[in-house]
Every structure is written in C-alpha cells, then in structure tokens.
Amino acid sequence: MSRTVRFDLPDTPPAVDHPRPERLEQGNPERHTWTLYEPAGQGVSAGIWDCEPGRWRIVFGPTEHEYFVVLSGRVRVHDAQGGFTEAGPGEAVVIPPGFQGSFEVLEKVRKHFVIVER
C-alpha cells in the first residue's frame, strides 16, 4: 500500500551511534537517526538526523548519494582537496557518489536526509 510520510519527529527513540574511532578527527559526537522511510529493496532511505559538534572522515560508495536540508545548527562538508561547503538552517547540500572528505558539525545540528544507492 502506498502512502505519504510526514517528517515529524516521532515519539519512538532514535538509533544512537558515534563515528567509528578510526574516522574521528575531533570530539566523539553522539548521533541520533530516525529513519522514517525505507521501502525494502528500493535503495532509498530518508529521515531525521541530529548530532553534537565534532568531525569525522566520510567515504561514500560509488553508488551512494545523499541530499540533506539543515533544520537547525550548522555543518561543514570538507572535500579531500581542502575545500568545504557550509550549510545552516534552510540550506541544502548534495554529497555525490565516491565523495571522500570529512563531515563537521559546528553547532548541534538537526537535518532531514535522503540517501539513494543506485
């Protein structure tokens, strides 16, 4: 059955994790993920994510895309060449397949995310 999905913060607890120790660059931020949409076998997931300040290395697979919109807080996505993209409330970023760099939370952040693997 097809239905629409609202992106309200659910009453259920989030999945809680931290960046892998070998990827940490600064801090050890706690991350909360509420996956609100993840149809089986479709290669798509979407939800709400929040995180404390910190920085860690990220490596995207050759078919992994992420689009996110910052709801509150501030982030920087650093590329391997030394550049970065910064985003705050109302701003959106796409991280393309094969991306390598770092994800930095400057101010506690909450974002909507969509990840596609194709």
PDB file of N, CA and C in Angstrom:
ATOM      1  N   MET A   1       0.835  -1.182   0.000  1.00  0.00           N
ATOM      2  CA  MET A   1       0.000   0.000   0.000  1.00  0.00           C
ATOM      3  C   MET A   1       0.877   1.242   0.000  1.00  0.00           C
ATOM      4  N   SER A   2       0.636   2.154  -0.902  1.00  0.00           N
ATOM      5  CA  SER A   2       1.386   3.406  -0.976  1.00  0.00           C
ATOM      6  C   SER A   2       0.762   4.425  -0.048  1.00  0.00           C
ATOM      7  N   ARG A   3       1.625   5.198   0.614  1.00  0.00           N
ATOM      8  CA  ARG A   3       1.133   6.266   1.472  1.00  0.00           C
ATOM      9  C   ARG A   3       2.203   7.334   1.567  1.00  0.00           C
ATOM     10  N   THR A   4       1.796   8.524   1.911  1.00  0.00           N
ATOM     11  CA  THR A   4       2.757   9.593   2.130  1.00  0.00           C
ATOM     12  C   THR A   4       3.326   9.460   3.538  1.00  0.00           C
ATOM     13  N   VAL A   5       4.462  10.091   3.760  1.00  0.00           N
ATOM     14  CA  VAL A   5       5.131  10.023   5.062  1.00  0.00           C
ATOM     15  C   VAL A   5       5.428  11.445   5.511  1.00  0.00           C
ATOM     16  N   ARG A   6       4.947  11.809   6.691  1.00  0.00           N
ATOM     17  CA  ARG A   6       5.264  13.113   7.270  1.00  0.00           C
ATOM     18  C   ARG A   6       6.618  13.030   7.950  1.00  0.00           C
ATOM     19  N   PHE A   7       7.351  14.112   7.910  1.00  0.00           N
ATOM     20  CA  PHE A   7       8.671  14.171   8.537  1.00  0.00           C
ATOM     21  C   PHE A   7       8.611  14.925   9.856  1.00  0.00           C
ATOM     22  N   ASP A   8       7.719  14.467  10.718  1.00  0.00           N
ATOM     23  CA  ASP A   8       7.655  14.969  12.084  1.00  0.00           C
ATOM     24  C   ASP A   8       8.568  14.103  12.934  1.00  0.00           C
ATOM     25  N   LEU A   9       9.134  14.668  13.978  1.00  0.00           N
ATOM     26  CA  LEU A   9       9.963  13.896  14.890  1.00  0.00           C
ATOM     27  C   LEU A   9       9.066  12.883  15.600  1.00  0.00           C
ATOM     28  N   PRO A  10       9.356  11.594  15.448  1.00  0.00           N
ATOM     29  CA  PRO A  10       8.481  10.580  16.044  1.00  0.00           C
ATOM     30  C   PRO A  10       8.662  10.488  17.561  1.00  0.00           C
ATOM     31  N   ASP A  11       7.689   9.840  18.195  1.00  0.00           N
ATOM     32  CA  ASP A  11       7.751   9.590  19.634  1.00  0.00           C
ATOM     33  C   ASP A  11       8.686   8.430  19.964  1.00  0.00           C
ATOM     34  N   THR A  12       9.052   7.651  18.967  1.00  0.00           N
ATOM     35  CA  THR A  12       9.923   6.486  19.186  1.00  0.00           C
ATOM     36  C   THR A  12      11.371   6.939  19.358  1.00  0.00           C
ATOM     37  N   PRO A  13      12.164   6.169  20.112  1.00  0.00           N
ATOM     38  CA  PRO A  13      13.565   6.557  20.291  1.00  0.00           C
ATOM     39  C   PRO A  13      14.360   6.384  18.991  1.00  0.00           C
ATOM     40  N   PRO A  14      15.397   7.210  18.817  1.00  0.00           N
ATOM     41  CA  PRO A  14      16.230   7.104  17.609  1.00  0.00           C
ATOM     42  C   PRO A  14      17.237   5.973  17.739  1.00  0.00           C
ATOM     43  N   ALA A  15      17.842   5.621  16.624  1.00  0.00           N
ATOM     44  CA  ALA A  15      19.061   4.795  16.652  1.00  0.00           C
ATOM     45  C   ALA A  15      20.177   5.748  17.079  1.00  0.00           C
ATOM     46  N   VAL A  16      21.003   5.327  18.023  1.00  0.00           N
ATOM     47  CA  VAL A  16      22.067   6.176  18.557  1.00  0.00           C
ATOM     48  C   VAL A  16      23.407   5.528  18.219  1.00  0.00           C
ATOM     49  N   ASP A  17      24.347   6.344  17.717  1.00  0.00           N
ATOM     50  CA  ASP A  17      25.689   5.840  17.457  1.00  0.00           C
ATOM     51  C   ASP A  17      26.707   6.969  17.562  1.00  0.00           C
ATOM     52  N   HIS A  18      27.962   6.623  17.331  1.00  0.00           N
ATOM     53  CA  HIS A  18      29.090   7.556  17.297  1.00  0.00           C
ATOM     54  C   HIS A  18      29.901   7.219  16.053  1.00  0.00           C
ATOM     55  N   PRO A  19      30.672   8.176  15.527  1.00  0.00           N
ATOM     56  CA  PRO A  19      31.567   7.844  14.414  1.00  0.00           C
ATOM     57  C   PRO A  19      32.536   6.744  14.830  1.00  0.00           C
ATOM     58  N   ARG A  20      32.936   5.940  13.865  1.00  0.00           N
ATOM     59  CA  ARG A  20      33.930   4.896  14.149  1.00  0.00           C
ATOM     60  C   ARG A  20      35.220   5.545  14.645  1.00  0.00           C
ATOM     61  N   PRO A  21      35.848   4.955  15.672  1.00  0.00           N
ATOM     62  CA  PRO A  21      37.056   5.567  16.254  1.00  0.00           C
ATOM     63  C   PRO A  21      38.147   5.879  15.234  1.00  0.00           C
ATOM     64  N   GLU A  22      38.327   5.021  14.245  1.00  0.00           N
ATOM     65  CA  GLU A  22      39.392   5.240  13.259  1.00  0.00           C
ATOM     66  C   GLU A  22      39.075   6.393  12.306  1.00  0.00           C
ATOM     67  N   ARG A  23      37.850   6.885  12.311  1.00  0.00           N
ATOM     68  CA  ARG A  23      37.473   8.008  11.445  1.00  0.00           C
ATOM     69  C   ARG A  23      37.380   9.338  12.190  1.00  0.00           C
ATOM     70  N   LEU A  24      37.435   9.315  13.500  1.00  0.00           N
ATOM     71  CA  LEU A  24      37.301  10.548  14.284  1.00  0.00           C
ATOM     72  C   LEU A  24      38.445  11.514  14.021  1.00  0.00           C
ATOM     73  N   GLU A  25      38.102  12.780  13.869  1.00  0.00           N
ATOM     74  CA  GLU A  25      39.092  13.856  13.737  1.00  0.00           C
ATOM     75  C   GLU A  25      38.976  14.851  14.885  1.00  0.00           C
ATOM     76  N   GLN A  26      37.769  14.992  15.449  1.00  0.00           N
ATOM     77  CA  GLN A  26      37.555  15.932  16.546  1.00  0.00           C
ATOM     78  C   GLN A  26      36.317  15.505  17.321  1.00  0.00           C
ATOM     79  N   GLY A  27      36.446  15.429  18.657  1.00  0.00           N
ATOM     80  CA  GLY A  27      35.323  15.072  19.512  1.00  0.00           C
ATOM     81  C   GLY A  27      34.941  13.608  19.370  1.00  0.00           C
ATOM     82  N   ASN A  28      33.790  13.252  19.906  1.00  0.00           N
ATOM     83  CA  ASN A  28      33.193  11.924  19.765  1.00  0.00           C
ATOM     84  C   ASN A  28      31.680  12.109  19.838  1.00  0.00           C
ATOM     85  N   PRO A  29      31.111  12.781  18.825  1.00  0.00           N
ATOM     86  CA  PRO A  29      29.717  13.196  18.904  1.00  0.00           C
ATOM     87  C   PRO A  29      28.729  12.028  18.906  1.00  0.00           C
ATOM     88  N   GLU A  30      27.662  12.218  19.684  1.00  0.00           N
ATOM     89  CA  GLU A  30      26.556  11.267  19.665  1.00  0.00           C
ATOM     90  C   GLU A  30      25.625  11.669  18.529  1.00  0.00           C
ATOM     91  N   ARG A  31      25.244  10.655  17.733  1.00  0.00           N
ATOM     92  CA  ARG A  31      24.379  10.897  16.578  1.00  0.00           C
ATOM     93  C   ARG A  31      23.059  10.154  16.782  1.00  0.00           C
ATOM     94  N   HIS A  32      21.952  10.789  16.420  1.00  0.00           N
ATOM     95  CA  HIS A  32      20.615  10.202  16.537  1.00  0.00           C
ATOM     96  C   HIS A  32      19.991  10.142  15.147  1.00  0.00           C
ATOM     97  N   THR A  33      19.462   8.978  14.786  1.00  0.00           N
ATOM     98  CA  THR A  33      18.837   8.804  13.477  1.00  0.00           C
ATOM     99  C   THR A  33      17.438   8.223  13.639  1.00  0.00           C
ATOM    100  N   TRP A  34      16.470   8.916  13.053  1.00  0.00           N
ATOM    101  CA  TRP A  34      15.114   8.403  12.945  1.00  0.00           C
ATOM    102  C   TRP A  34      14.877   8.129  11.461  1.00  0.00           C
ATOM    103  N   THR A  35      14.904   6.877  11.040  1.00  0.00           N
ATOM    104  CA  THR A  35      14.630   6.533   9.644  1.00  0.00           C
ATOM    105  C   THR A  35      13.115   6.437   9.505  1.00  0.00           C
ATOM    106  N   LEU A  36      12.553   7.320   8.694  1.00  0.00           N
ATOM    107  CA  LEU A  36      11.100   7.433   8.560  1.00  0.00           C
ATOM    108  C   LEU A  36      10.573   6.780   7.288  1.00  0.00           C
ATOM    109  N   TYR A  37      11.473   6.548   6.333  1.00  0.00           N
ATOM    110  CA  TYR A  37      11.059   5.978   5.043  1.00  0.00           C
ATOM    111  C   TYR A  37      12.192   5.122   4.518  1.00  0.00           C
ATOM    112  N   GLU A  38      11.921   3.832   4.325  1.00  0.00           N
ATOM    113  CA  GLU A  38      12.938   2.912   3.815  1.00  0.00           C
ATOM    114  C   GLU A  38      12.246   1.687   3.218  1.00  0.00           C
ATOM    115  N   PRO A  39      11.693   1.849   2.011  1.00  0.00           N
ATOM    116  CA  PRO A  39      11.000   0.714   1.400  1.00  0.00           C
ATOM    117  C   PRO A  39      11.998  -0.398   1.043  1.00  0.00           C
ATOM    118  N   ALA A  40      11.628  -1.615   1.347  1.00  0.00           N
ATOM    119  CA  ALA A  40      12.512  -2.772   1.116  1.00  0.00           C
ATOM    120  C   ALA A  40      12.916  -2.881  -0.351  1.00  0.00           C
ATOM    121  N   GLY A  41      14.225  -3.061  -0.564  1.00  0.00           N
ATOM    122  CA  GLY A  41      14.754  -3.318  -1.895  1.00  0.00           C
ATOM    123  C   GLY A  41      14.770  -2.136  -2.844  1.00  0.00           C
ATOM    124  N   GLN A  42      14.491  -0.926  -2.366  1.00  0.00           N
ATOM    125  CA  GLN A  42      14.430   0.237  -3.247  1.00  0.00           C
ATOM    126  C   GLN A  42      15.706   1.062  -3.267  1.00  0.00           C
ATOM    127  N   GLY A  43      16.614   0.859  -2.302  1.00  0.00           N
ATOM    128  CA  GLY A  43      17.851   1.626  -2.274  1.00  0.00           C
ATOM    129  C   GLY A  43      17.662   3.072  -1.862  1.00  0.00           C
ATOM    130  N   VAL A  44      16.592   3.349  -1.094  1.00  0.00           N
ATOM    131  CA  VAL A  44      16.293   4.707  -0.647  1.00  0.00           C
ATOM    132  C   VAL A  44      15.997   4.676   0.848  1.00  0.00           C
ATOM    133  N   SER A  45      16.537   5.654   1.561  1.00  0.00           N
ATOM    134  CA  SER A  45      16.137   5.843   2.954  1.00  0.00           C
ATOM    135  C   SER A  45      16.076   7.339   3.216  1.00  0.00           C
ATOM    136  N   ALA A  46      15.187   7.721   4.124  1.00  0.00           N
ATOM    137  CA  ALA A  46      15.013   9.138   4.440  1.00  0.00           C
ATOM    138  C   ALA A  46      14.558   9.264   5.882  1.00  0.00           C
ATOM    139  N   GLY A  47      14.927  10.385   6.491  1.00  0.00           N
ATOM    140  CA  GLY A  47      14.526  10.580   7.871  1.00  0.00           C
ATOM    141  C   GLY A  47      15.083  11.853   8.461  1.00  0.00           C
ATOM    142  N   ILE A  48      15.224  11.817   9.782  1.00  0.00           N
ATOM    143  CA  ILE A  48      15.719  12.951  10.558  1.00  0.00           C
ATOM    144  C   ILE A  48      16.984  12.494  11.274  1.00  0.00           C
ATOM    145  N   TRP A  49      17.980  13.374  11.294  1.00  0.00           N
ATOM    146  CA  TRP A  49      19.267  13.054  11.921  1.00  0.00           C
ATOM    147  C   TRP A  49      19.694  14.256  12.732  1.00  0.00           C
ATOM    148  N   ASP A  50      20.182  14.003  13.954  1.00  0.00           N
ATOM    149  CA  ASP A  50      20.806  15.103  14.685  1.00  0.00           C
ATOM    150  C   ASP A  50      22.096  14.642  15.321  1.00  0.00           C
ATOM    151  N   CYS A  51      22.945  15.625  15.648  1.00  0.00           N
ATOM    152  CA  CYS A  51      24.299  15.302  16.088  1.00  0.00           C
ATOM    153  C   CYS A  51      24.900  16.467  16.860  1.00  0.00           C
ATOM    154  N   GLU A  52      25.737  16.101  17.836  1.00  0.00           N
ATOM    155  CA  GLU A  52      26.523  17.064  18.608  1.00  0.00           C
ATOM    156  C   GLU A  52      27.729  17.509  17.786  1.00  0.00           C
ATOM    157  N   PRO A  53      28.386  18.599  18.170  1.00  0.00           N
ATOM    158  CA  PRO A  53      29.584  19.037  17.451  1.00  0.00           C
ATOM    159  C   PRO A  53      30.692  17.980  17.441  1.00  0.00           C
ATOM    160  N   GLY A  54      31.400  17.938  16.334  1.00  0.00           N
ATOM    161  CA  GLY A  54      32.520  17.018  16.130  1.00  0.00           C
ATOM    162  C   GLY A  54      32.844  16.934  14.651  1.00  0.00           C
ATOM    163  N   ARG A  55      33.858  16.134  14.329  1.00  0.00           N
ATOM    164  CA  ARG A  55      34.287  15.988  12.930  1.00  0.00           C
ATOM    165  C   ARG A  55      34.829  14.576  12.724  1.00  0.00           C
ATOM    166  N   TRP A  56      34.472  13.975  11.567  1.00  0.00           N
ATOM    167  CA  TRP A  56      34.934  12.629  11.234  1.00  0.00           C
ATOM    168  C   TRP A  56      35.026  12.484   9.718  1.00  0.00           C
ATOM    169  N   ARG A  57      35.876  11.545   9.296  1.00  0.00           N
ATOM    170  CA  ARG A  57      36.060  11.273   7.867  1.00  0.00           C
ATOM    171  C   ARG A  57      34.855  10.506   7.324  1.00  0.00           C
ATOM    172  N   ILE A  58      34.479  10.838   6.087  1.00  0.00           N
ATOM    173  CA  ILE A  58      33.406  10.125   5.398  1.00  0.00           C
ATOM    174  C   ILE A  58      33.911   9.647   4.038  1.00  0.00           C
ATOM    175  N   VAL A  59      33.419   8.498   3.628  1.00  0.00           N
ATOM    176  CA  VAL A  59      33.743   7.918   2.326  1.00  0.00           C
ATOM    177  C   VAL A  59      32.448   7.360   1.755  1.00  0.00           C
ATOM    178  N   PHE A  60      31.987   7.925   0.646  1.00  0.00           N
ATOM    179  CA  PHE A  60      30.767   7.446   0.010  1.00  0.00           C
ATOM    180  C   PHE A  60      31.100   6.403  -1.038  1.00  0.00           C
ATOM    181  N   GLY A  61      30.281   5.387  -1.126  1.00  0.00           N
ATOM    182  CA  GLY A  61      30.452   4.350  -2.138  1.00  0.00           C
ATOM    183  C   GLY A  61      30.173   4.895  -3.534  1.00  0.00           C
ATOM    184  N   PRO A  62      30.489   4.107  -4.564  1.00  0.00           N
ATOM    185  CA  PRO A  62      30.347   4.573  -5.944  1.00  0.00           C
ATOM    186  C   PRO A  62      28.903   4.761  -6.405  1.00  0.00           C
ATOM    187  N   THR A  63      27.935   4.290  -5.618  1.00  0.00           N
ATOM    188  CA  THR A  63      26.528   4.440  -5.999  1.00  0.00           C
ATOM    189  C   THR A  63      25.699   5.146  -4.921  1.00  0.00           C
ATOM    190  N   GLU A  64      26.360   5.729  -3.919  1.00  0.00           N
ATOM    191  CA  GLU A  64      25.665   6.336  -2.780  1.00  0.00           C
ATOM    192  C   GLU A  64      25.589   7.859  -2.926  1.00  0.00           C
ATOM    193  N   HIS A  65      24.370   8.390  -2.889  1.00  0.00           N
ATOM    194  CA  HIS A  65      24.108   9.829  -2.963  1.00  0.00           C
ATOM    195  C   HIS A  65      23.407  10.236  -1.669  1.00  0.00           C
ATOM    196  N   GLU A  66      23.695  11.436  -1.157  1.00  0.00           N
ATOM    197  CA  GLU A  66      22.904  11.965  -0.044  1.00  0.00           C
ATOM    198  C   GLU A  66      22.521  13.404  -0.331  1.00  0.00           C
ATOM    199  N   TYR A  67      21.267  13.694  -0.083  1.00  0.00           N
ATOM    200  CA  TYR A  67      20.729  15.054  -0.117  1.00  0.00           C
ATOM    201  C   TYR A  67      20.237  15.344   1.294  1.00  0.00           C
ATOM    202  N   PHE A  68      20.615  16.509   1.841  1.00  0.00           N
ATOM    203  CA  PHE A  68      20.094  16.863   3.153  1.00  0.00           C
ATOM    204  C   PHE A  68      19.797  18.355   3.231  1.00  0.00           C
ATOM    205  N   VAL A  69      18.848  18.681   4.142  1.00  0.00           N
ATOM    206  CA  VAL A  69      18.463  20.056   4.425  1.00  0.00           C
ATOM    207  C   VAL A  69      18.663  20.276   5.917  1.00  0.00           C
ATOM    208  N   VAL A  70      19.427  21.289   6.265  1.00  0.00           N
ATOM    209  CA  VAL A  70      19.673  21.613   7.669  1.00  0.00           C
ATOM    210  C   VAL A  70      18.439  22.320   8.229  1.00  0.00           C
ATOM    211  N   LEU A  71      17.928  21.781   9.331  1.00  0.00           N
ATOM    212  CA  LEU A  71      16.780  22.384  10.010  1.00  0.00           C
ATOM    213  C   LEU A  71      17.238  23.358  11.082  1.00  0.00           C
ATOM    214  N   SER A  72      18.297  22.985  11.812  1.00  0.00           N
ATOM    215  CA  SER A  72      18.872  23.847  12.845  1.00  0.00           C
ATOM    216  C   SER A  72      20.341  23.488  12.998  1.00  0.00           C
ATOM    217  N   GLY A  73      21.131  24.444  13.466  1.00  0.00           N
ATOM    218  CA  GLY A  73      22.563  24.210  13.634  1.00  0.00           C
ATOM    219  C   GLY A  73      23.355  24.553  12.386  1.00  0.00           C
ATOM    220  N   ARG A  74      24.592  24.062  12.338  1.00  0.00           N
ATOM    221  CA  ARG A  74      25.495  24.402  11.223  1.00  0.00           C
ATOM    222  C   ARG A  74      26.473  23.265  11.008  1.00  0.00           C
ATOM    223  N   VAL A  75      26.731  22.940   9.719  1.00  0.00           N
ATOM    224  CA  VAL A  75      27.674  21.879   9.346  1.00  0.00           C
ATOM    225  C   VAL A  75      28.622  22.368   8.263  1.00  0.00           C
ATOM    226  N   ARG A  76      29.733  21.662   8.141  1.00  0.00           N
ATOM    227  CA  ARG A  76      30.658  21.822   7.012  1.00  0.00           C
ATOM    228  C   ARG A  76      30.961  20.438   6.466  1.00  0.00           C
ATOM    229  N   VAL A  77      30.945  20.334   5.139  1.00  0.00           N
ATOM    230  CA  VAL A  77      31.370  19.117   4.460  1.00  0.00           C
ATOM    231  C   VAL A  77      32.677  19.467   3.766  1.00  0.00           C
ATOM    232  N   HIS A  78      33.774  18.873   4.245  1.00  0.00           N
ATOM    233  CA  HIS A  78      35.116  19.152   3.723  1.00  0.00           C
ATOM    234  C   HIS A  78      35.457  18.126   2.647  1.00  0.00           C
ATOM    235  N   ASP A  79      35.962  18.581   1.500  1.00  0.00           N
ATOM    236  CA  ASP A  79      36.400  17.638   0.472  1.00  0.00           C
ATOM    237  C   ASP A  79      37.884  17.323   0.637  1.00  0.00           C
ATOM    238  N   ALA A  80      38.335  16.319  -0.072  1.00  0.00           N
ATOM    239  CA  ALA A  80      39.724  15.854   0.043  1.00  0.00           C
ATOM    240  C   ALA A  80      40.720  16.862  -0.517  1.00  0.00           C
ATOM    241  N   GLN A  81      40.254  17.850  -1.303  1.00  0.00           N
ATOM    242  CA  GLN A  81      41.141  18.849  -1.894  1.00  0.00           C
ATOM    243  C   GLN A  81      41.319  20.074  -0.994  1.00  0.00           C
ATOM    244  N   GLY A  82      40.670  20.084   0.163  1.00  0.00           N
ATOM    245  CA  GLY A  82      40.827  21.198   1.094  1.00  0.00           C
ATOM    246  C   GLY A  82      39.700  22.219   1.056  1.00  0.00           C
ATOM    247  N   GLY A  83      38.743  22.060   0.164  1.00  0.00           N
ATOM    248  CA  GLY A  83      37.600  22.968   0.122  1.00  0.00           C
ATOM    249  C   GLY A  83      36.499  22.481   1.049  1.00  0.00           C
ATOM    250  N   PHE A  84      35.483  23.303   1.228  1.00  0.00           N
ATOM    251  CA  PHE A  84      34.344  22.863   2.037  1.00  0.00           C
ATOM    252  C   PHE A  84      33.084  23.590   1.614  1.00  0.00           C
ATOM    253  N   THR A  85      31.952  22.984   1.959  1.00  0.00           N
ATOM    254  CA  THR A  85      30.634  23.569   1.790  1.00  0.00           C
ATOM    255  C   THR A  85      30.029  23.680   3.174  1.00  0.00           C
ATOM    256  N   GLU A  86      29.569  24.873   3.544  1.00  0.00           N
ATOM    257  CA  GLU A  86      28.964  25.088   4.854  1.00  0.00           C
ATOM    258  C   GLU A  86      27.472  25.303   4.664  1.00  0.00           C
ATOM    259  N   ALA A  87      26.663  24.769   5.593  1.00  0.00           N
ATOM    260  CA  ALA A  87      25.213  24.919   5.493  1.00  0.00           C
ATOM    261  C   ALA A  87      24.610  25.144   6.871  1.00  0.00           C
ATOM    262  N   GLY A  88      23.600  26.012   6.901  1.00  0.00           N
ATOM    263  CA  GLY A  88      22.851  26.305   8.114  1.00  0.00           C
ATOM    264  C   GLY A  88      21.364  26.152   7.845  1.00  0.00           C
ATOM    265  N   PRO A  89      20.528  26.598   8.760  1.00  0.00           N
ATOM    266  CA  PRO A  89      19.084  26.410   8.651  1.00  0.00           C
ATOM    267  C   PRO A  89      18.517  26.840   7.292  1.00  0.00           C
ATOM    268  N   GLY A  90      17.758  25.915   6.699  1.00  0.00           N
ATOM    269  CA  GLY A  90      17.121  26.178   5.412  1.00  0.00           C
ATOM    270  C   GLY A  90      17.997  25.916   4.211  1.00  0.00           C
ATOM    271  N   GLU A  91      19.273  25.581   4.428  1.00  0.00           N
ATOM    272  CA  GLU A  91      20.187  25.335   3.306  1.00  0.00           C
ATOM    273  C   GLU A  91      20.349  23.835   3.082  1.00  0.00           C
ATOM    274  N   ALA A  92      20.578  23.463   1.825  1.00  0.00           N
ATOM    275  CA  ALA A  92      20.650  22.055   1.436  1.00  0.00           C
ATOM    276  C   ALA A  92      21.979  21.744   0.756  1.00  0.00           C
ATOM    277  N   VAL A  93      22.388  20.485   0.854  1.00  0.00           N
ATOM    278  CA  VAL A  93      23.653  20.018   0.278  1.00  0.00           C
ATOM    279  C   VAL A  93      23.423  18.645  -0.347  1.00  0.00           C
ATOM    280  N   VAL A  94      24.100  18.373  -1.452  1.00  0.00           N
ATOM    281  CA  VAL A  94      24.145  17.031  -2.038  1.00  0.00           C
ATOM    282  C   VAL A  94      25.580  16.533  -1.928  1.00  0.00           C
ATOM    283  N   ILE A  95      25.740  15.321  -1.399  1.00  0.00           N
ATOM    284  CA  ILE A  95      27.047  14.658  -1.370  1.00  0.00           C
ATOM    285  C   ILE A  95      26.994  13.573  -2.446  1.00  0.00           C
ATOM    286  N   PRO A  96      27.877  13.659  -3.464  1.00  0.00           N
ATOM    287  CA  PRO A  96      27.797  12.757  -4.610  1.00  0.00           C
ATOM    288  C   PRO A  96      28.483  11.409  -4.362  1.00  0.00           C
ATOM    289  N   PRO A  97      28.211  10.440  -5.230  1.00  0.00           N
ATOM    290  CA  PRO A  97      28.884   9.144  -5.139  1.00  0.00           C
ATOM    291  C   PRO A  97      30.400   9.311  -5.204  1.00  0.00           C
ATOM    292  N   GLY A  98      31.105   8.471  -4.453  1.00  0.00           N
ATOM    293  CA  GLY A  98      32.562   8.481  -4.468  1.00  0.00           C
ATOM    294  C   GLY A  98      33.196   9.591  -3.652  1.00  0.00           C
ATOM    295  N   PHE A  99      32.397  10.432  -3.006  1.00  0.00           N
ATOM    296  CA  PHE A  99      32.933  11.550  -2.231  1.00  0.00           C
ATOM    297  C   PHE A  99      33.783  11.044  -1.073  1.00  0.00           C
ATOM    298  N   GLN A 100      34.928  11.708  -0.861  1.00  0.00           N
ATOM    299  CA  GLN A 100      35.784  11.434   0.286  1.00  0.00           C
ATOM    300  C   GLN A 100      36.141  12.764   0.928  1.00  0.00           C
ATOM    301  N   GLY A 101      36.051  12.812   2.242  1.00  0.00           N
ATOM    302  CA  GLY A 101      36.362  14.039   2.956  1.00  0.00           C
ATOM    303  C   GLY A 101      36.001  13.894   4.413  1.00  0.00           C
ATOM    304  N   SER A 102      35.477  14.975   4.996  1.00  0.00           N
ATOM    305  CA  SER A 102      35.088  14.983   6.409  1.00  0.00           C
ATOM    306  C   SER A 102      33.750  15.682   6.569  1.00  0.00           C
ATOM    307  N   PHE A 103      33.009  15.229   7.565  1.00  0.00           N
ATOM    308  CA  PHE A 103      31.756  15.869   7.948  1.00  0.00           C
ATOM    309  C   PHE A 103      31.993  16.520   9.294  1.00  0.00           C
ATOM    310  N   GLU A 104      31.704  17.820   9.392  1.00  0.00           N
ATOM    311  CA  GLU A 104      31.935  18.555  10.625  1.00  0.00           C
ATOM    312  C   GLU A 104      30.642  19.222  11.099  1.00  0.00           C
ATOM    313  N   VAL A 105      30.283  18.958  12.335  1.00  0.00           N
ATOM    314  CA  VAL A 105      29.144  19.629  12.955  1.00  0.00           C
ATOM    315  C   VAL A 105      29.704  20.775  13.783  1.00  0.00           C
ATOM    316  N   LEU A 106      29.416  22.004  13.370  1.00  0.00           N
ATOM    317  CA  LEU A 106      29.914  23.193  14.054  1.00  0.00           C
ATOM    318  C   LEU A 106      29.036  23.569  15.240  1.00  0.00           C
ATOM    319  N   GLU A 107      27.722  23.444  15.061  1.00  0.00           N
ATOM    320  CA  GLU A 107      26.719  23.702  16.100  1.00  0.00           C
ATOM    321  C   GLU A 107      25.755  22.533  16.059  1.00  0.00           C
ATOM    322  N   LYS A 108      25.318  22.068  17.217  1.00  0.00           N
ATOM    323  CA  LYS A 108      24.398  20.927  17.232  1.00  0.00           C
ATOM    324  C   LYS A 108      23.405  21.064  16.084  1.00  0.00           C
ATOM    325  N   VAL A 109      23.297  20.003  15.295  1.00  0.00           N
ATOM    326  CA  VAL A 109      22.538  20.072  14.051  1.00  0.00           C
ATOM    327  C   VAL A 109      21.377  19.088  14.059  1.00  0.00           C
ATOM    328  N   ARG A 110      20.333  19.480  13.356  1.00  0.00           N
ATOM    329  CA  ARG A 110      19.249  18.564  13.014  1.00  0.00           C
ATOM    330  C   ARG A 110      18.994  18.762  11.531  1.00  0.00           C
ATOM    331  N   LYS A 111      18.824  17.646  10.810  1.00  0.00           N
ATOM    332  CA  LYS A 111      18.603  17.738   9.369  1.00  0.00           C
ATOM    333  C   LYS A 111      17.640  16.673   8.914  1.00  0.00           C
ATOM    334  N   HIS A 112      16.975  16.935   7.798  1.00  0.00           N
ATOM    335  CA  HIS A 112      16.259  15.911   7.044  1.00  0.00           C
ATOM    336  C   HIS A 112      17.272  15.346   6.048  1.00  0.00           C
ATOM    337  N   PHE A 113      17.248  14.042   5.840  1.00  0.00           N
ATOM    338  CA  PHE A 113      18.162  13.430   4.883  1.00  0.00           C
ATOM    339  C   PHE A 113      17.439  12.475   3.946  1.00  0.00           C
ATOM    340  N   VAL A 114      17.988  12.332   2.751  1.00  0.00           N
ATOM    341  CA  VAL A 114      17.566  11.317   1.788  1.00  0.00           C
ATOM    342  C   VAL A 114      18.837  10.688   1.242  1.00  0.00           C
ATOM    343  N   ILE A 115      18.952   9.369   1.367  1.00  0.00           N
ATOM    344  CA  ILE A 115      20.103   8.632   0.834  1.00  0.00           C
ATOM    345  C   ILE A 115      19.586   7.686  -0.243  1.00  0.00           C
ATOM    346  N   VAL A 116      20.243   7.724  -1.403  1.00  0.00           N
ATOM    347  CA  VAL A 116      19.881   6.863  -2.527  1.00  0.00           C
ATOM    348  C   VAL A 116      21.103   6.068  -2.917  1.00  0.00           C
ATOM    349  N   GLU A 117      20.928   4.752  -3.059  1.00  0.00           N
ATOM    350  CA  GLU A 117      22.001   3.887  -3.569  1.00  0.00           C
ATOM    351  C   GLU A 117      21.524   3.252  -4.853  1.00  0.00           C
ATOM    352  N   ARG A 118      22.167   3.643  -5.961  1.00  0.00           N
ATOM    353  CA  ARG A 118      21.797   3.110  -7.286  1.00  0.00           C
ATOM    354  C   ARG A 118      23.045   2.858  -8.088  1.00  0.00           C
TER     355      ARG A 118
END
